[in-house]
C-alpha atoms as a PDB file:
ATOM      1  CA  MET A   1      -6.394 -15.911  21.147  1.00  0.00           C
ATOM      2  CA  GLU A   2      -5.040 -15.575  17.631  1.00  0.00           C
ATOM      3  CA  GLY A   3      -7.315 -16.786  14.894  1.00  0.00           C
ATOM      4  CA  SER A   4     -10.481 -15.801  16.673  1.00  0.00           C
ATOM      5  CA  LYS A   5     -11.517 -13.152  14.139  1.00  0.00           C
ATOM      6  CA  THR A   6     -11.044 -13.146  10.390  1.00  0.00           C
ATOM      7  CA  LEU A   7     -10.503  -9.777   8.735  1.00  0.00           C
ATOM      8  CA  THR A   8     -10.719  -9.365   4.981  1.00  0.00           C
ATOM      9  CA  LEU A   9      -9.232  -6.173   3.587  1.00  0.00           C
ATOM     10  CA  GLU A  10      -9.408  -5.340  -0.121  1.00  0.00           C
ATOM     11  CA  LEU A  11      -7.420  -2.820  -2.115  1.00  0.00           C
ATOM     12  CA  THR A  12      -7.952  -2.138  -5.818  1.00  0.00           C
ATOM     13  CA  THR A  13      -5.098  -1.466  -8.192  1.00  0.00           C
ATOM     14  CA  LYS A  14      -7.188   1.442  -9.499  1.00  0.00           C
ATOM     15  CA  ASP A  15      -7.028   3.202  -6.107  1.00  0.00           C
ATOM     16  CA  LEU A  16      -3.459   2.102  -5.480  1.00  0.00           C
ATOM     17  CA  PHE A  17      -2.096   3.268  -8.831  1.00  0.00           C
ATOM     18  CA  ALA A  18      -4.076   6.524  -8.697  1.00  0.00           C
ATOM     19  CA  GLN A  19      -2.492   7.419  -5.351  1.00  0.00           C
ATOM     20  CA  MET A  20       0.990   6.452  -6.520  1.00  0.00           C
ATOM     21  CA  LYS A  21       0.636   8.372  -9.804  1.00  0.00           C
ATOM     22  CA  ASP A  22      -0.580  11.464  -7.953  1.00  0.00           C
ATOM     23  CA  GLN A  23       2.533  11.319  -5.778  1.00  0.00           C
ATOM     24  CA  SER A  24       4.868  10.805  -8.754  1.00  0.00           C
ATOM     25  CA  TYR A  25       3.138  13.668 -10.591  1.00  0.00           C
ATOM     26  CA  LEU A  26       3.758  16.056  -7.689  1.00  0.00           C
ATOM     27  CA  ILE A  27       7.418  15.040  -7.463  1.00  0.00           C
ATOM     28  CA  GLY A  28       7.855  15.549 -11.206  1.00  0.00           C
ATOM     29  CA  GLU A  29       6.131  18.934 -11.120  1.00  0.00           C
ATOM     30  CA  SER A  30       8.384  20.110  -8.295  1.00  0.00           C
ATOM     31  CA  LEU A  31      11.439  19.275 -10.410  1.00  0.00           C
ATOM     32  CA  LYS A  32      10.152  21.021 -13.543  1.00  0.00           C
ATOM     33  CA  SER A  33      11.101  24.414 -12.119  1.00  0.00           C
ATOM     34  CA  ASN A  34      14.700  23.498 -13.000  1.00  0.00           C
ATOM     35  CA  PRO A  35      15.098  23.465 -16.825  1.00  0.00           C
ATOM     36  CA  GLN A  36      18.123  21.143 -16.555  1.00  0.00           C
ATOM     37  CA  VAL A  37      16.002  18.264 -15.245  1.00  0.00           C
ATOM     38  CA  MET A  38      12.819  18.687 -17.318  1.00  0.00           C
ATOM     39  CA  GLU A  39      13.251  15.323 -19.045  1.00  0.00           C
ATOM     40  CA  LEU A  40      13.897  13.557 -15.746  1.00  0.00           C
ATOM     41  CA  ALA A  41      10.851  15.241 -14.197  1.00  0.00           C
ATOM     42  CA  ALA A  42       8.655  13.915 -16.998  1.00  0.00           C
ATOM     43  CA  LYS A  43      10.032  10.375 -16.547  1.00  0.00           C
ATOM     44  CA  ILE A  44       9.241  10.429 -12.835  1.00  0.00           C
ATOM     45  CA  GLN A  45       5.566  11.035 -13.577  1.00  0.00           C
ATOM     46  CA  ALA A  46       4.128   7.535 -13.957  1.00  0.00           C
ATOM     47  CA  SER A  47       1.293   7.075 -16.450  1.00  0.00           C
ATOM     48  CA  ASP A  48      -1.159   4.356 -17.423  1.00  0.00           C
ATOM     49  CA  ASP A  49       1.479   3.085 -19.876  1.00  0.00           C
ATOM     50  CA  ASP A  50       3.558   2.070 -16.842  1.00  0.00           C
ATOM     51  CA  ASP A  51       0.869  -0.097 -15.218  1.00  0.00           C
ATOM     52  CA  VAL A  52       2.593  -3.408 -16.073  1.00  0.00           C
ATOM     53  CA  THR A  53       5.728  -2.336 -14.220  1.00  0.00           C
ATOM     54  CA  LEU A  54       3.688  -0.881 -11.362  1.00  0.00           C
ATOM     55  CA  GLN A  55       1.766  -4.139 -11.022  1.00  0.00           C
ATOM     56  CA  ASP A  56       5.048  -6.045 -10.664  1.00  0.00           C
ATOM     57  CA  PHE A  57       5.994  -3.677  -7.841  1.00  0.00           C
ATOM     58  CA  ALA A  58       2.512  -4.077  -6.321  1.00  0.00           C
ATOM     59  CA  GLN A  59       2.879  -7.861  -6.260  1.00  0.00           C
ATOM     60  CA  ALA A  60       6.202  -7.629  -4.441  1.00  0.00           C
ATOM     61  CA  GLY A  61       4.729  -5.004  -2.108  1.00  0.00           C
ATOM     62  CA  GLY A  62       1.685  -7.205  -1.444  1.00  0.00           C
ATOM     63  CA  THR A  63       3.932  -9.997  -0.228  1.00  0.00           C
ATOM     64  CA  LYS A  64       5.838  -7.571   1.991  1.00  0.00           C
ATOM     65  CA  LEU A  65       2.613  -6.060   3.327  1.00  0.00           C
ATOM     66  CA  GLY A  66       1.211  -9.530   4.038  1.00  0.00           C
ATOM     67  CA  ASN A  67       4.322 -10.304   6.098  1.00  0.00           C
ATOM     68  CA  ILE A  68       3.943  -7.046   8.025  1.00  0.00           C
ATOM     69  CA  LEU A  69       0.276  -7.772   8.749  1.00  0.00           C
ATOM     70  CA  SER A  70       1.223 -11.268   9.918  1.00  0.00           C
ATOM     71  CA  ARG A  71       3.560  -9.712  12.469  1.00  0.00           C
ATOM     72  CA  VAL A  72       1.186  -6.999  13.675  1.00  0.00           C
ATOM     73  CA  LEU A  73      -2.243  -8.689  13.493  1.00  0.00           C
ATOM     74  CA  GLY A  74      -1.939 -12.412  12.952  1.00  0.00           C
ATOM     75  CA  LYS A  75      -1.307 -14.893  10.162  1.00  0.00           C
ATOM     76  CA  THR A  76      -2.134 -13.167   6.883  1.00  0.00           C
ATOM     77  CA  SER A  77      -2.463 -14.372   3.327  1.00  0.00           C
ATOM     78  CA  TYR A  78      -3.130 -12.371   0.215  1.00  0.00           C
ATOM     79  CA  LYS A  79      -4.260 -13.029  -3.310  1.00  0.00           C
ATOM     80  CA  TRP A  80      -4.952 -11.183  -6.525  1.00  0.00           C
ATOM     81  CA  GLN A  81      -8.451 -11.306  -7.906  1.00  0.00           C
ATOM     82  CA  GLU A  82      -9.920  -9.845 -11.052  1.00  0.00           C
ATOM     83  CA  ALA A  83     -13.512  -8.629 -10.819  1.00  0.00           C
ATOM     84  CA  GLN A  84     -15.932  -7.052 -13.235  1.00  0.00           C
ATOM     85  CA  GLU A  85     -17.190  -3.602 -12.207  1.00  0.00           C
ATOM     86  CA  GLY A  86     -19.561  -2.299 -14.836  1.00  0.00           C
ATOM     87  CA  ASP A  87     -17.754  -2.535 -18.162  1.00  0.00           C
ATOM     88  CA  GLN A  88     -14.271  -2.582 -16.619  1.00  0.00           C
ATOM     89  CA  LYS A  89     -12.161  -5.338 -15.131  1.00  0.00           C
ATOM     90  CA  VAL A  90     -10.687  -4.354 -11.791  1.00  0.00           C
ATOM     91  CA  LYS A  91      -7.779  -6.091 -10.094  1.00  0.00           C
ATOM     92  CA  LYS A  92      -7.960  -6.403  -6.332  1.00  0.00           C
ATOM     93  CA  LEU A  93      -5.476  -7.381  -3.669  1.00  0.00           C
ATOM     94  CA  ILE A  94      -7.364  -9.271  -0.989  1.00  0.00           C
ATOM     95  CA  PHE A  95      -5.702  -9.731   2.403  1.00  0.00           C
ATOM     96  CA  THR A  96      -7.179 -12.231   4.851  1.00  0.00           C
ATOM     97  CA  THR A  97      -5.930 -12.040   8.430  1.00  0.00           C
ATOM     98  CA  ASN A  98      -6.607 -14.199  11.484  1.00  0.00           C
ATOM     99  CA  ALA A  99      -6.637 -11.509  14.139  1.00  0.00           C
ATOM    100  CA  VAL A 100      -7.195 -11.612  17.853  1.00  0.00           C
ATOM    101  CA  ALA A 101     -10.834 -11.646  18.927  1.00  0.00           C
ATOM    102  CA  ASN A 102     -10.691  -8.207  20.514  1.00  0.00           C
ATOM    103  CA  PHE A 103      -9.217  -6.412  17.486  1.00  0.00           C
ATOM    104  CA  MET A 104     -11.109  -3.125  17.220  1.00  0.00           C
ATOM    105  CA  ASP A 105     -13.445  -3.350  14.232  1.00  0.00           C
ATOM    106  CA  SER A 106     -13.604   0.440  14.251  1.00  0.00           C
ATOM    107  CA  GLN A 107      -9.933   0.434  13.154  1.00  0.00           C
ATOM    108  CA  LYS A 108     -10.558  -1.663  10.037  1.00  0.00           C
ATOM    109  CA  GLU A 109     -10.966   1.302   7.636  1.00  0.00           C
ATOM    110  CA  THR A 110      -8.014   3.137   9.196  1.00  0.00           C
ATOM    111  CA  LEU A 111      -5.909   0.007   8.752  1.00  0.00           C
ATOM    112  CA  LYS A 112      -7.062  -0.305   5.147  1.00  0.00           C
ATOM    113  CA  ASP A 113      -6.052   3.335   4.508  1.00  0.00           C
ATOM    114  CA  SER A 114      -2.641   2.646   6.070  1.00  0.00           C
ATOM    115  CA  MET A 115      -2.240  -0.401   3.857  1.00  0.00           C
ATOM    116  CA  LEU A 116      -3.089   1.657   0.766  1.00  0.00           C
ATOM    117  CA  ASN A 117      -0.588   4.333   1.820  1.00  0.00           C
ATOM    118  CA  TYR A 118       2.084   1.720   2.493  1.00  0.00           C
ATOM    119  CA  LEU A 119       1.669   0.017  -0.867  1.00  0.00           C
ATOM    120  CA  SER A 120       1.526   3.263  -2.850  1.00  0.00           C
ATOM    121  CA  VAL A 121       4.722   4.502  -1.176  1.00  0.00           C
ATOM    122  CA  TYR A 122       6.331   1.076  -1.706  1.00  0.00           C
ATOM    123  CA  ILE A 123       5.512   1.198  -5.420  1.00  0.00           C
ATOM    124  CA  LEU A 124       6.666   4.813  -5.653  1.00  0.00           C
ATOM    125  CA  SER A 125       9.985   4.011  -3.972  1.00  0.00           C
ATOM    126  CA  LYS A 126      10.603   1.128  -6.395  1.00  0.00           C
ATOM    127  CA  TRP A 127       9.577   3.342  -9.338  1.00  0.00           C
ATOM    128  CA  LEU A 128      11.919   6.116  -8.258  1.00  0.00           C
ATOM    129  CA  ASN A 129      14.696   3.589  -7.725  1.00  0.00           C
ATOM    130  CA  LEU A 130      14.542   2.922 -11.489  1.00  0.00           C
ATOM    131  CA  ILE A 131      14.546   6.576 -12.507  1.00  0.00           C
ATOM    132  CA  LYS A 132      16.118   8.671  -9.747  1.00  0.00           C
ATOM    133  CA  PRO A 133      17.584   6.427  -7.031  1.00  0.00           C
ATOM    134  CA  ASP A 134      18.586   9.302  -4.741  1.00  0.00           C
ATOM    135  CA  GLU A 135      14.862  10.206  -4.349  1.00  0.00           C
ATOM    136  CA  SER A 136      13.989   6.615  -3.473  1.00  0.00           C
ATOM    137  CA  ALA A 137      15.750   6.677  -0.088  1.00  0.00           C
ATOM    138  CA  ARG A 138      13.347   9.276   1.300  1.00  0.00           C
ATOM    139  CA  PHE A 139      10.391   6.993   0.559  1.00  0.00           C
ATOM    140  CA  GLU A 140      12.132   3.962   2.040  1.00  0.00           C
ATOM    141  CA  ALA A 141      12.206   5.887   5.339  1.00  0.00           C
ATOM    142  CA  MET A 142       8.487   6.652   4.981  1.00  0.00           C
ATOM    143  CA  LEU A 143       7.805   2.923   4.678  1.00  0.00           C
ATOM    144  CA  LYS A 144       9.256   2.353   8.131  1.00  0.00           C
ATOM    145  CA  GLU A 145       6.951   5.035   9.569  1.00  0.00           C
ATOM    146  CA  LEU A 146       3.910   3.533   7.854  1.00  0.00           C
ATOM    147  CA  GLU A 147       4.843   0.070   9.125  1.00  0.00           C
ATOM    148  CA  GLU A 148       5.015   1.475  12.652  1.00  0.00           C
ATOM    149  CA  ASP A 149       1.574   3.056  12.190  1.00  0.00           C
ATOM    150  CA  MET A 150       0.142  -0.338  11.201  1.00  0.00           C
ATOM    151  CA  ARG A 151       1.826  -1.956  14.186  1.00  0.00           C
ATOM    152  CA  GLN A 152       0.162   0.556  16.504  1.00  0.00           C
ATOM    153  CA  LEU A 153      -3.228   0.034  14.856  1.00  0.00           C
ATOM    154  CA  GLY A 154      -2.852  -3.725  15.200  1.00  0.00           C
ATOM    155  CA  ALA A 155      -2.020  -3.388  18.895  1.00  0.00           C
ATOM    156  CA  GLN A 156      -5.221  -1.534  19.769  1.00  0.00           C
ATOM    157  CA  ARG A 157      -7.833  -3.738  21.404  1.00  0.00           C
ATOM    158  CA  ASP A 158     -11.433  -3.526  22.534  1.00  0.00           C
ATOM    159  CA  LYS A 159     -11.871  -3.857  26.283  1.00  0.00           C
ATOM    160  CA  PRO A 160     -13.069  -7.293  27.323  1.00  0.00           C
ATOM    161  CA  LYS A 161     -16.736  -7.453  28.256  1.00  0.00           C
ATOM    162  CA  ARG A 162     -17.821  -8.912  31.565  1.00  0.00           C
ATOM    163  CA  SER A 163     -20.273 -11.731  31.438  1.00  0.00           C
END
């Protein structure tokens, strides 16, 4: 029965942006072998100066990811929260899902990793769409694969226990 188990999954923008920036760095480095596109390669490599734009993409991606989770797990909401970790403020995306009672708790971390991958690729595709739109299409296709992975994770269930 839907709504029998509440799952809370948190992602930090620190982890999210680090993964996305690593991916954009690798794409930029691969293009630097061609001297004609050196400037473009440098633009593709997102930096901390781009965090405001990346956060806008993350907010749009959070809404999209919440809708995906609603379809694959159960009604999902998400919010942004700022927390203090040591001397730094950290922004978190917190997803709360009403899942079926027999959702496999062992899949929670795998689902969280899939969510992080989905959002980082989402942000990267939107980033590339600004700078090099022909590269963006490849990442749009990856989003469909990641969505399917989440759907499969959400469909896995624990076996019912006999009383």
